[in-house]
């Protein structure tokens, strides 16, 4: 019975010293100081948006569902020509042939 008490006492004494070796309590380690919250509050235009979000724009679920339906059934609409750049299809990966050279 005496050895059990002595073992328990030694174990408790050993565990009491763990606070000195705890990596989160050592000097020089990072500690949460609220910097993220402070930066977020400084960047938010309307602080009440942090408590209750407001939609960015009106959403149209039907429009999004129709686009996904076209994608799933291989009926994707081509992008409109903006006149700024030519839209060309490119292959994927290293096995795609190089683009054709345009001669002058």
PDB file of N, CA and C in Angstrom:
ATOM      1  N   UNK A   1       0.825  -1.191   0.000  1.00  0.00           N
ATOM      2  CA  UNK A   1       0.000   0.000   0.000  1.00  0.00           C
ATOM      3  C   UNK A   1       0.873   1.260   0.000  1.00  0.00           C
ATOM      4  N   UNK A   2       1.980   1.158   0.703  1.00  0.00           N
ATOM      5  CA  UNK A   2       2.877   2.312   0.783  1.00  0.00           C
ATOM      6  C   UNK A   2       3.524   2.590  -0.574  1.00  0.00           C
ATOM      7  N   UNK A   3       3.845   1.557  -1.337  1.00  0.00           N
ATOM      8  CA  UNK A   3       4.467   1.771  -2.644  1.00  0.00           C
ATOM      9  C   UNK A   3       3.480   2.391  -3.627  1.00  0.00           C
ATOM     10  N   UNK A   4       2.187   2.069  -3.491  1.00  0.00           N
ATOM     11  CA  UNK A   4       1.176   2.668  -4.361  1.00  0.00           C
ATOM     12  C   UNK A   4       1.066   4.164  -4.096  1.00  0.00           C
ATOM     13  N   UNK A   5       1.094   4.537  -2.808  1.00  0.00           N
ATOM     14  CA  UNK A   5       1.033   5.966  -2.464  1.00  0.00           C
ATOM     15  C   UNK A   5       2.282   6.699  -2.941  1.00  0.00           C
ATOM     16  N   UNK A   6       3.411   6.058  -2.765  1.00  0.00           N
ATOM     17  CA  UNK A   6       4.661   6.686  -3.175  1.00  0.00           C
ATOM     18  C   UNK A   6       4.701   6.845  -4.694  1.00  0.00           C
ATOM     19  N   UNK A   7       4.227   5.845  -5.421  1.00  0.00           N
ATOM     20  CA  UNK A   7       4.194   5.917  -6.886  1.00  0.00           C
ATOM     21  C   UNK A   7       3.230   7.009  -7.342  1.00  0.00           C
ATOM     22  N   UNK A   8       2.060   7.075  -6.709  1.00  0.00           N
ATOM     23  CA  UNK A   8       1.078   8.104  -7.051  1.00  0.00           C
ATOM     24  C   UNK A   8       1.640   9.496  -6.764  1.00  0.00           C
ATOM     25  N   UNK A   9       2.301   9.646  -5.628  1.00  0.00           N
ATOM     26  CA  UNK A   9       2.880  10.934  -5.276  1.00  0.00           C
ATOM     27  C   UNK A   9       3.969  11.342  -6.260  1.00  0.00           C
ATOM     28  N   UNK A  10       4.830  10.415  -6.651  1.00  0.00           N
ATOM     29  CA  UNK A  10       5.878  10.718  -7.633  1.00  0.00           C
ATOM     30  C   UNK A  10       5.279  11.074  -8.989  1.00  0.00           C
ATOM     31  N   UNK A  11       4.231  10.363  -9.381  1.00  0.00           N
ATOM     32  CA  UNK A  11       3.567  10.653 -10.650  1.00  0.00           C
ATOM     33  C   UNK A  11       2.944  12.045 -10.644  1.00  0.00           C
ATOM     34  N   UNK A  12       2.294  12.407  -9.566  1.00  0.00           N
ATOM     35  CA  UNK A  12       1.699  13.747  -9.447  1.00  0.00           C
ATOM     36  C   UNK A  12       2.762  14.832  -9.468  1.00  0.00           C
ATOM     37  N   UNK A  13       3.874  14.590  -8.810  1.00  0.00           N
ATOM     38  CA  UNK A  13       4.962  15.573  -8.819  1.00  0.00           C
ATOM     39  C   UNK A  13       5.560  15.717 -10.208  1.00  0.00           C
ATOM     40  N   UNK A  14       5.675  14.607 -10.922  1.00  0.00           N
ATOM     41  CA  UNK A  14       6.228  14.659 -12.285  1.00  0.00           C
ATOM     42  C   UNK A  14       5.281  15.399 -13.215  1.00  0.00           C
ATOM     43  N   UNK A  15       3.993  15.160 -13.081  1.00  0.00           N
ATOM     44  CA  UNK A  15       3.023  15.841 -13.938  1.00  0.00           C
ATOM     45  C   UNK A  15       2.914  17.328 -13.621  1.00  0.00           C
ATOM     46  N   UNK A  16       3.183  17.698 -12.388  1.00  0.00           N
ATOM     47  CA  UNK A  16       3.108  19.110 -12.016  1.00  0.00           C
ATOM     48  C   UNK A  16       4.164  19.931 -12.738  1.00  0.00           C
ATOM     49  N   UNK A  17       5.262  19.308 -13.107  1.00  0.00           N
ATOM     50  CA  UNK A  17       6.326  20.015 -13.813  1.00  0.00           C
ATOM     51  C   UNK A  17       6.115  20.116 -15.307  1.00  0.00           C
ATOM     52  N   UNK A  18       5.038  19.537 -15.828  1.00  0.00           N
ATOM     53  CA  UNK A  18       4.810  19.548 -17.272  1.00  0.00           C
ATOM     54  C   UNK A  18       4.512  20.940 -17.821  1.00  0.00           C
ATOM     55  N   UNK A  19       4.039  21.837 -17.001  1.00  0.00           N
ATOM     56  CA  UNK A  19       3.712  23.168 -17.511  1.00  0.00           C
ATOM     57  C   UNK A  19       4.964  23.896 -18.005  1.00  0.00           C
ATOM     58  N   UNK A  20       6.123  23.513 -17.510  1.00  0.00           N
ATOM     59  CA  UNK A  20       7.360  24.156 -17.953  1.00  0.00           C
ATOM     60  C   UNK A  20       7.803  23.666 -19.326  1.00  0.00           C
ATOM     61  N   UNK A  21       7.373  22.476 -19.717  1.00  0.00           N
ATOM     62  CA  UNK A  21       7.769  21.930 -21.009  1.00  0.00           C
ATOM     63  C   UNK A  21       6.635  21.942 -22.036  1.00  0.00           C
ATOM     64  N   UNK A  22       5.473  22.472 -21.668  1.00  0.00           N
ATOM     65  CA  UNK A  22       4.339  22.524 -22.587  1.00  0.00           C
ATOM     66  C   UNK A  22       4.689  23.446 -23.760  1.00  0.00           C
ATOM     67  N   UNK A  23       4.638  22.940 -24.998  1.00  0.00           N
ATOM     68  CA  UNK A  23       5.063  23.759 -26.137  1.00  0.00           C
ATOM     69  C   UNK A  23       4.189  24.987 -26.352  1.00  0.00           C
ATOM     70  N   UNK A  24       2.969  24.982 -25.863  1.00  0.00           N
ATOM     71  CA  UNK A  24       2.101  26.146 -26.050  1.00  0.00           C
ATOM     72  C   UNK A  24       2.311  27.215 -24.992  1.00  0.00           C
ATOM     73  N   UNK A  25       3.043  26.888 -23.945  1.00  0.00           N
ATOM     74  CA  UNK A  25       3.286  27.865 -22.889  1.00  0.00           C
ATOM     75  C   UNK A  25       4.721  28.376 -22.874  1.00  0.00           C
ATOM     76  N   UNK A  26       5.564  27.801 -23.729  1.00  0.00           N
ATOM     77  CA  UNK A  26       6.963  28.233 -23.755  1.00  0.00           C
ATOM     78  C   UNK A  26       7.061  29.660 -24.277  1.00  0.00           C
ATOM     79  N   UNK A  27       8.063  30.351 -23.830  1.00  0.00           N
ATOM     80  CA  UNK A  27       8.312  31.724 -24.273  1.00  0.00           C
ATOM     81  C   UNK A  27       8.752  31.716 -25.727  1.00  0.00           C
ATOM     82  N   UNK A  28       8.233  32.644 -26.515  1.00  0.00           N
ATOM     83  CA  UNK A  28       8.616  32.770 -27.911  1.00  0.00           C
ATOM     84  C   UNK A  28       7.683  32.062 -28.872  1.00  0.00           C
ATOM     85  N   UNK A  29       6.747  31.283 -28.380  1.00  0.00           N
ATOM     86  CA  UNK A  29       5.795  30.602 -29.255  1.00  0.00           C
ATOM     87  C   UNK A  29       4.587  31.490 -29.515  1.00  0.00           C
ATOM     88  N   UNK A  30       3.922  31.215 -30.624  1.00  0.00           N
ATOM     89  CA  UNK A  30       2.750  31.990 -31.012  1.00  0.00           C
ATOM     90  C   UNK A  30       1.613  31.740 -30.038  1.00  0.00           C
ATOM     91  N   UNK A  31       0.894  32.796 -29.729  1.00  0.00           N
ATOM     92  CA  UNK A  31      -0.302  32.691 -28.906  1.00  0.00           C
ATOM     93  C   UNK A  31      -1.396  33.510 -29.574  1.00  0.00           C
ATOM     94  N   UNK A  32      -2.608  33.019 -29.470  1.00  0.00           N
ATOM     95  CA  UNK A  32      -3.743  33.755 -30.044  1.00  0.00           C
ATOM     96  C   UNK A  32      -3.858  35.093 -29.321  1.00  0.00           C
ATOM     97  N   UNK A  33      -3.907  36.173 -30.119  1.00  0.00           N
ATOM     98  CA  UNK A  33      -4.003  37.494 -29.504  1.00  0.00           C
ATOM     99  C   UNK A  33      -5.114  38.341 -30.116  1.00  0.00           C
ATOM    100  N   UNK A  34      -5.957  37.735 -30.957  1.00  0.00           N
ATOM    101  CA  UNK A  34      -7.077  38.471 -31.532  1.00  0.00           C
ATOM    102  C   UNK A  34      -6.718  39.282 -32.757  1.00  0.00           C
ATOM    103  N   UNK A  35      -5.545  39.063 -33.344  1.00  0.00           N
ATOM    104  CA  UNK A  35      -5.120  39.850 -34.500  1.00  0.00           C
ATOM    105  C   UNK A  35      -6.017  39.600 -35.706  1.00  0.00           C
ATOM    106  N   UNK A  36      -6.428  38.345 -35.931  1.00  0.00           N
ATOM    107  CA  UNK A  36      -7.299  38.060 -37.072  1.00  0.00           C
ATOM    108  C   UNK A  36      -8.623  38.789 -36.947  1.00  0.00           C
ATOM    109  N   UNK A  37      -9.204  38.776 -35.770  1.00  0.00           N
ATOM    110  CA  UNK A  37     -10.477  39.459 -35.554  1.00  0.00           C
ATOM    111  C   UNK A  37     -10.320  40.960 -35.760  1.00  0.00           C
ATOM    112  N   UNK A  38      -9.244  41.526 -35.260  1.00  0.00           N
ATOM    113  CA  UNK A  38      -9.021  42.959 -35.415  1.00  0.00           C
ATOM    114  C   UNK A  38      -8.838  43.332 -36.884  1.00  0.00           C
ATOM    115  N   UNK A  39      -8.083  42.528 -37.638  1.00  0.00           N
ATOM    116  CA  UNK A  39      -7.877  42.806 -39.057  1.00  0.00           C
ATOM    117  C   UNK A  39      -9.171  42.670 -39.836  1.00  0.00           C
ATOM    118  N   UNK A  40      -9.957  41.648 -39.524  1.00  0.00           N
ATOM    119  CA  UNK A  40     -11.231  41.466 -40.211  1.00  0.00           C
ATOM    120  C   UNK A  40     -12.159  42.643 -39.950  1.00  0.00           C
ATOM    121  N   UNK A  41     -12.245  43.083 -38.722  1.00  0.00           N
ATOM    122  CA  UNK A  41     -13.100  44.222 -38.403  1.00  0.00           C
ATOM    123  C   UNK A  41     -12.614  45.498 -39.089  1.00  0.00           C
ATOM    124  N   UNK A  42     -11.327  45.644 -39.286  1.00  0.00           N
ATOM    125  CA  UNK A  42     -10.800  46.827 -39.964  1.00  0.00           C
ATOM    126  C   UNK A  42     -11.118  46.803 -41.451  1.00  0.00           C
ATOM    127  N   UNK A  43     -11.246  45.608 -42.047  1.00  0.00           N
ATOM    128  CA  UNK A  43     -11.481  45.496 -43.479  1.00  0.00           C
ATOM    129  C   UNK A  43     -12.957  45.497 -43.859  1.00  0.00           C
ATOM    130  N   UNK A  44     -13.831  45.213 -42.911  1.00  0.00           N
ATOM    131  CA  UNK A  44     -15.261  45.117 -43.221  1.00  0.00           C
ATOM    132  C   UNK A  44     -15.870  46.509 -43.291  1.00  0.00           C
ATOM    133  N   UNK A  45     -16.611  46.758 -44.372  1.00  0.00           N
ATOM    134  CA  UNK A  45     -17.219  48.072 -44.561  1.00  0.00           C
ATOM    135  C   UNK A  45     -18.386  48.261 -43.609  1.00  0.00           C
ATOM    136  N   UNK A  46     -19.257  47.269 -43.535  1.00  0.00           N
ATOM    137  CA  UNK A  46     -20.424  47.347 -42.659  1.00  0.00           C
ATOM    138  C   UNK A  46     -20.229  46.314 -41.548  1.00  0.00           C
ATOM    139  N   UNK A  47     -19.870  46.749 -40.334  1.00  0.00           N
ATOM    140  CA  UNK A  47     -19.582  45.801 -39.259  1.00  0.00           C
ATOM    141  C   UNK A  47     -20.743  44.861 -38.928  1.00  0.00           C
ATOM    142  N   UNK A  48     -21.974  45.283 -39.171  1.00  0.00           N
ATOM    143  CA  UNK A  48     -23.106  44.397 -38.857  1.00  0.00           C
ATOM    144  C   UNK A  48     -23.120  43.180 -39.769  1.00  0.00           C
ATOM    145  N   UNK A  49     -22.402  43.225 -40.902  1.00  0.00           N
ATOM    146  CA  UNK A  49     -22.316  42.059 -41.786  1.00  0.00           C
ATOM    147  C   UNK A  49     -21.578  40.898 -41.126  1.00  0.00           C
ATOM    148  N   UNK A  50     -20.785  41.164 -40.096  1.00  0.00           N
ATOM    149  CA  UNK A  50     -20.098  40.089 -39.394  1.00  0.00           C
ATOM    150  C   UNK A  50     -21.073  39.272 -38.554  1.00  0.00           C
ATOM    151  N   UNK A  51     -22.150  39.900 -38.101  1.00  0.00           N
ATOM    152  CA  UNK A  51     -23.142  39.196 -37.288  1.00  0.00           C
ATOM    153  C   UNK A  51     -24.185  38.522 -38.163  1.00  0.00           C
ATOM    154  N   UNK A  52     -24.685  39.231 -39.156  1.00  0.00           N
ATOM    155  CA  UNK A  52     -25.706  38.696 -40.058  1.00  0.00           C
ATOM    156  C   UNK A  52     -25.283  39.019 -41.473  1.00  0.00           C
ATOM    157  N   UNK A  53     -25.048  38.002 -42.251  1.00  0.00           N
ATOM    158  CA  UNK A  53     -24.581  38.213 -43.620  1.00  0.00           C
ATOM    159  C   UNK A  53     -25.708  38.728 -44.509  1.00  0.00           C
ATOM    160  N   UNK A  54     -25.338  39.480 -45.507  1.00  0.00           N
ATOM    161  CA  UNK A  54     -26.302  39.939 -46.507  1.00  0.00           C
ATOM    162  C   UNK A  54     -25.896  39.330 -47.843  1.00  0.00           C
ATOM    163  N   UNK A  55     -26.863  38.987 -48.680  1.00  0.00           N
ATOM    164  CA  UNK A  55     -26.504  38.387 -49.967  1.00  0.00           C
ATOM    165  C   UNK A  55     -25.734  39.361 -50.840  1.00  0.00           C
ATOM    166  N   UNK A  56     -24.783  38.830 -51.593  1.00  0.00           N
ATOM    167  CA  UNK A  56     -23.977  39.670 -52.478  1.00  0.00           C
ATOM    168  C   UNK A  56     -24.816  40.198 -53.634  1.00  0.00           C
ATOM    169  N   UNK A  57     -25.701  39.377 -54.136  1.00  0.00           N
ATOM    170  CA  UNK A  57     -26.576  39.773 -55.228  1.00  0.00           C
ATOM    171  C   UNK A  57     -27.756  38.817 -55.255  1.00  0.00           C
ATOM    172  N   UNK A  58     -28.802  39.208 -55.947  1.00  0.00           N
ATOM    173  CA  UNK A  58     -29.921  38.266 -56.026  1.00  0.00           C
ATOM    174  C   UNK A  58     -29.498  37.002 -56.779  1.00  0.00           C
ATOM    175  N   UNK A  59     -29.805  35.865 -56.230  1.00  0.00           N
ATOM    176  CA  UNK A  59     -29.419  34.591 -56.839  1.00  0.00           C
ATOM    177  C   UNK A  59     -30.597  34.027 -57.622  1.00  0.00           C
ATOM    178  N   UNK A  60     -30.297  33.375 -58.730  1.00  0.00           N
ATOM    179  CA  UNK A  60     -31.316  32.739 -59.545  1.00  0.00           C
ATOM    180  C   UNK A  60     -30.967  31.261 -59.638  1.00  0.00           C
ATOM    181  N   UNK A  61     -31.567  30.468 -58.770  1.00  0.00           N
ATOM    182  CA  UNK A  61     -31.282  29.042 -58.738  1.00  0.00           C
ATOM    183  C   UNK A  61     -31.677  28.345 -60.027  1.00  0.00           C
ATOM    184  N   UNK A  62     -32.754  28.812 -60.660  1.00  0.00           N
ATOM    185  CA  UNK A  62     -33.192  28.209 -61.912  1.00  0.00           C
ATOM    186  C   UNK A  62     -32.171  28.389 -63.017  1.00  0.00           C
ATOM    187  N   UNK A  63     -31.576  29.559 -63.085  1.00  0.00           N
ATOM    188  CA  UNK A  63     -30.564  29.840 -64.092  1.00  0.00           C
ATOM    189  C   UNK A  63     -29.330  28.959 -63.883  1.00  0.00           C
ATOM    190  N   UNK A  64     -28.920  28.814 -62.631  1.00  0.00           N
ATOM    191  CA  UNK A  64     -27.770  27.965 -62.320  1.00  0.00           C
ATOM    192  C   UNK A  64     -28.081  26.504 -62.615  1.00  0.00           C
ATOM    193  N   UNK A  65     -29.291  26.053 -62.282  1.00  0.00           N
ATOM    194  CA  UNK A  65     -29.669  24.663 -62.540  1.00  0.00           C
ATOM    195  C   UNK A  65     -29.717  24.379 -64.037  1.00  0.00           C
ATOM    196  N   UNK A  66     -30.202  25.350 -64.820  1.00  0.00           N
ATOM    197  CA  UNK A  66     -30.252  25.150 -66.273  1.00  0.00           C
ATOM    198  C   UNK A  66     -28.843  25.041 -66.852  1.00  0.00           C
ATOM    199  N   UNK A  67     -27.917  25.836 -66.341  1.00  0.00           N
ATOM    200  CA  UNK A  67     -26.535  25.771 -66.826  1.00  0.00           C
ATOM    201  C   UNK A  67     -25.919  24.412 -66.495  1.00  0.00           C
ATOM    202  N   UNK A  68     -26.168  23.906 -65.304  1.00  0.00           N
ATOM    203  CA  UNK A  68     -25.640  22.589 -64.939  1.00  0.00           C
ATOM    204  C   UNK A  68     -26.276  21.490 -65.782  1.00  0.00           C
ATOM    205  N   UNK A  69     -27.548  21.625 -66.077  1.00  0.00           N
ATOM    206  CA  UNK A  69     -28.229  20.635 -66.908  1.00  0.00           C
ATOM    207  C   UNK A  69     -27.617  20.606 -68.314  1.00  0.00           C
ATOM    208  N   UNK A  70     -27.336  21.792 -68.876  1.00  0.00           N
ATOM    209  CA  UNK A  70     -26.692  21.838 -70.201  1.00  0.00           C
ATOM    210  C   UNK A  70     -25.305  21.212 -70.145  1.00  0.00           C
ATOM    211  N   UNK A  71     -24.569  21.468 -69.071  1.00  0.00           N
ATOM    212  CA  UNK A  71     -23.230  20.900 -68.926  1.00  0.00           C
ATOM    213  C   UNK A  71     -23.290  19.377 -68.848  1.00  0.00           C
ATOM    214  N   UNK A  72     -24.222  18.864 -68.096  1.00  0.00           N
ATOM    215  CA  UNK A  72     -24.336  17.405 -67.918  1.00  0.00           C
ATOM    216  C   UNK A  72     -24.792  16.704 -69.190  1.00  0.00           C
ATOM    217  N   UNK A  73     -25.506  17.402 -70.058  1.00  0.00           N
ATOM    218  CA  UNK A  73     -26.019  16.785 -71.281  1.00  0.00           C
ATOM    219  C   UNK A  73     -25.259  17.231 -72.527  1.00  0.00           C
ATOM    220  N   UNK A  74     -24.041  17.756 -72.329  1.00  0.00           N
ATOM    221  CA  UNK A  74     -23.160  18.174 -73.433  1.00  0.00           C
ATOM    222  C   UNK A  74     -23.832  19.152 -74.395  1.00  0.00           C
ATOM    223  N   UNK A  75     -24.542  20.117 -73.862  1.00  0.00           N
ATOM    224  CA  UNK A  75     -25.149  21.159 -74.684  1.00  0.00           C
ATOM    225  C   UNK A  75     -24.708  22.533 -74.167  1.00  0.00           C
ATOM    226  N   UNK A  76     -23.416  22.670 -73.935  1.00  0.00           N
ATOM    227  CA  UNK A  76     -22.869  23.910 -73.393  1.00  0.00           C
ATOM    228  C   UNK A  76     -22.899  24.991 -74.468  1.00  0.00           C
ATOM    229  N   UNK A  77     -23.354  26.156 -74.074  1.00  0.00           N
ATOM    230  CA  UNK A  77     -23.408  27.279 -75.009  1.00  0.00           C
ATOM    231  C   UNK A  77     -22.018  27.871 -75.172  1.00  0.00           C
ATOM    232  N   UNK A  78     -21.671  28.308 -76.390  1.00  0.00           N
ATOM    233  CA  UNK A  78     -20.354  28.936 -76.579  1.00  0.00           C
ATOM    234  C   UNK A  78     -20.322  30.311 -75.914  1.00  0.00           C
ATOM    235  N   UNK A  79     -19.134  30.708 -75.526  1.00  0.00           N
ATOM    236  CA  UNK A  79     -18.970  32.042 -74.943  1.00  0.00           C
ATOM    237  C   UNK A  79     -19.198  33.096 -76.011  1.00  0.00           C
ATOM    238  N   UNK A  80     -19.782  34.215 -75.645  1.00  0.00           N
ATOM    239  CA  UNK A  80     -19.982  35.272 -76.642  1.00  0.00           C
ATOM    240  C   UNK A  80     -18.644  35.878 -77.059  1.00  0.00           C
ATOM    241  N   UNK A  81     -18.574  36.331 -78.293  1.00  0.00           N
ATOM    242  CA  UNK A  81     -17.354  36.950 -78.805  1.00  0.00           C
ATOM    243  C   UNK A  81     -17.287  38.378 -78.291  1.00  0.00           C
ATOM    244  N   UNK A  82     -16.260  38.661 -77.513  1.00  0.00           N
ATOM    245  CA  UNK A  82     -16.121  39.995 -76.939  1.00  0.00           C
ATOM    246  C   UNK A  82     -15.357  40.926 -77.865  1.00  0.00           C
ATOM    247  N   UNK A  83     -14.669  40.378 -78.849  1.00  0.00           N
ATOM    248  CA  UNK A  83     -13.873  41.198 -79.741  1.00  0.00           C
ATOM    249  C   UNK A  83     -12.517  41.556 -79.155  1.00  0.00           C
ATOM    250  N   UNK A  84     -12.254  41.168 -77.917  1.00  0.00           N
ATOM    251  CA  UNK A  84     -10.972  41.488 -77.286  1.00  0.00           C
ATOM    252  C   UNK A  84      -9.926  40.405 -77.530  1.00  0.00           C
ATOM    253  N   UNK A  85     -10.373  39.171 -77.523  1.00  0.00           N
ATOM    254  CA  UNK A  85      -9.430  38.066 -77.701  1.00  0.00           C
ATOM    255  C   UNK A  85     -10.147  36.921 -78.383  1.00  0.00           C
ATOM    256  N   UNK A  86      -9.395  36.137 -79.117  1.00  0.00           N
ATOM    257  CA  UNK A  86      -9.975  34.982 -79.782  1.00  0.00           C
ATOM    258  C   UNK A  86      -9.992  33.817 -78.800  1.00  0.00           C
ATOM    259  N   UNK A  87     -11.138  33.176 -78.679  1.00  0.00           N
ATOM    260  CA  UNK A  87     -11.283  32.046 -77.772  1.00  0.00           C
ATOM    261  C   UNK A  87     -11.053  30.779 -78.570  1.00  0.00           C
ATOM    262  N   UNK A  88     -10.040  30.009 -78.158  1.00  0.00           N
ATOM    263  CA  UNK A  88      -9.726  28.765 -78.856  1.00  0.00           C
ATOM    264  C   UNK A  88      -9.726  27.631 -77.852  1.00  0.00           C
ATOM    265  N   UNK A  89     -10.110  26.461 -78.299  1.00  0.00           N
ATOM    266  CA  UNK A  89     -10.078  25.280 -77.446  1.00  0.00           C
ATOM    267  C   UNK A  89      -8.655  24.762 -77.376  1.00  0.00           C
ATOM    268  N   UNK A  90      -8.253  24.348 -76.197  1.00  0.00           N
ATOM    269  CA  UNK A  90      -6.921  23.782 -76.022  1.00  0.00           C
ATOM    270  C   UNK A  90      -7.072  22.408 -75.415  1.00  0.00           C
ATOM    271  N   UNK A  91      -6.122  21.532 -75.695  1.00  0.00           N
ATOM    272  CA  UNK A  91      -6.135  20.196 -75.126  1.00  0.00           C
ATOM    273  C   UNK A  91      -5.715  20.249 -73.681  1.00  0.00           C
ATOM    274  N   UNK A  92      -5.878  19.134 -73.015  1.00  0.00           N
ATOM    275  CA  UNK A  92      -5.467  19.083 -71.621  1.00  0.00           C
ATOM    276  C   UNK A  92      -4.270  18.161 -71.480  1.00  0.00           C
ATOM    277  N   UNK A  93      -3.373  18.508 -70.644  1.00  0.00           N
ATOM    278  CA  UNK A  93      -2.219  17.670 -70.356  1.00  0.00           C
ATOM    279  C   UNK A  93      -1.115  17.796 -71.384  1.00  0.00           C
ATOM    280  N   UNK A  94      -0.089  16.980 -71.229  1.00  0.00           N
ATOM    281  CA  UNK A  94       1.085  17.048 -72.092  1.00  0.00           C
ATOM    282  C   UNK A  94       0.851  16.379 -73.430  1.00  0.00           C
ATOM    283  N   UNK A  95      -0.228  15.590 -73.563  1.00  0.00           N
ATOM    284  CA  UNK A  95      -0.448  14.872 -74.809  1.00  0.00           C
ATOM    285  C   UNK A  95      -1.140  15.720 -75.860  1.00  0.00           C
ATOM    286  N   UNK A  96      -1.501  16.942 -75.521  1.00  0.00           N
ATOM    287  CA  UNK A  96      -2.173  17.816 -76.481  1.00  0.00           C
ATOM    288  C   UNK A  96      -1.179  18.293 -77.524  1.00  0.00           C
ATOM    289  N   UNK A  97      -1.584  18.341 -78.798  1.00  0.00           N
ATOM    290  CA  UNK A  97      -0.663  18.831 -79.829  1.00  0.00           C
ATOM    291  C   UNK A  97      -0.421  20.329 -79.664  1.00  0.00           C
ATOM    292  N   UNK A  98       0.733  20.814 -80.076  1.00  0.00           N
ATOM    293  CA  UNK A  98       1.004  22.251 -79.960  1.00  0.00           C
ATOM    294  C   UNK A  98       0.082  23.027 -80.893  1.00  0.00           C
ATOM    295  N   UNK A  99      -0.221  24.286 -80.522  1.00  0.00           N
ATOM    296  CA  UNK A  99      -1.098  25.078 -81.372  1.00  0.00           C
ATOM    297  C   UNK A  99      -0.455  25.320 -82.748  1.00  0.00           C
ATOM    298  N   UNK A 100      -1.309  25.426 -83.746  1.00  0.00           N
ATOM    299  CA  UNK A 100      -0.804  25.645 -85.105  1.00  0.00           C
ATOM    300  C   UNK A 100      -0.190  27.025 -85.228  1.00  0.00           C
ATOM    301  N   UNK A 101       0.946  27.084 -85.866  1.00  0.00           N
ATOM    302  CA  UNK A 101       1.641  28.372 -86.048  1.00  0.00           C
ATOM    303  C   UNK A 101       0.967  29.149 -87.173  1.00  0.00           C
ATOM    304  N   UNK A 102       0.839  30.441 -86.956  1.00  0.00           N
ATOM    305  CA  UNK A 102       0.265  31.292 -88.001  1.00  0.00           C
ATOM    306  C   UNK A 102       1.408  31.971 -88.732  1.00  0.00           C
ATOM    307  N   UNK A 103       1.451  31.812 -90.023  1.00  0.00           N
ATOM    308  CA  UNK A 103       2.533  32.408 -90.820  1.00  0.00           C
ATOM    309  C   UNK A 103       2.170  33.801 -91.323  1.00  0.00           C
ATOM    310  N   UNK A 104       3.148  34.631 -91.492  1.00  0.00           N
ATOM    311  CA  UNK A 104       2.916  36.006 -91.971  1.00  0.00           C
ATOM    312  C   UNK A 104       3.238  36.110 -93.429  1.00  0.00           C
TER     313      UNK A 104
END
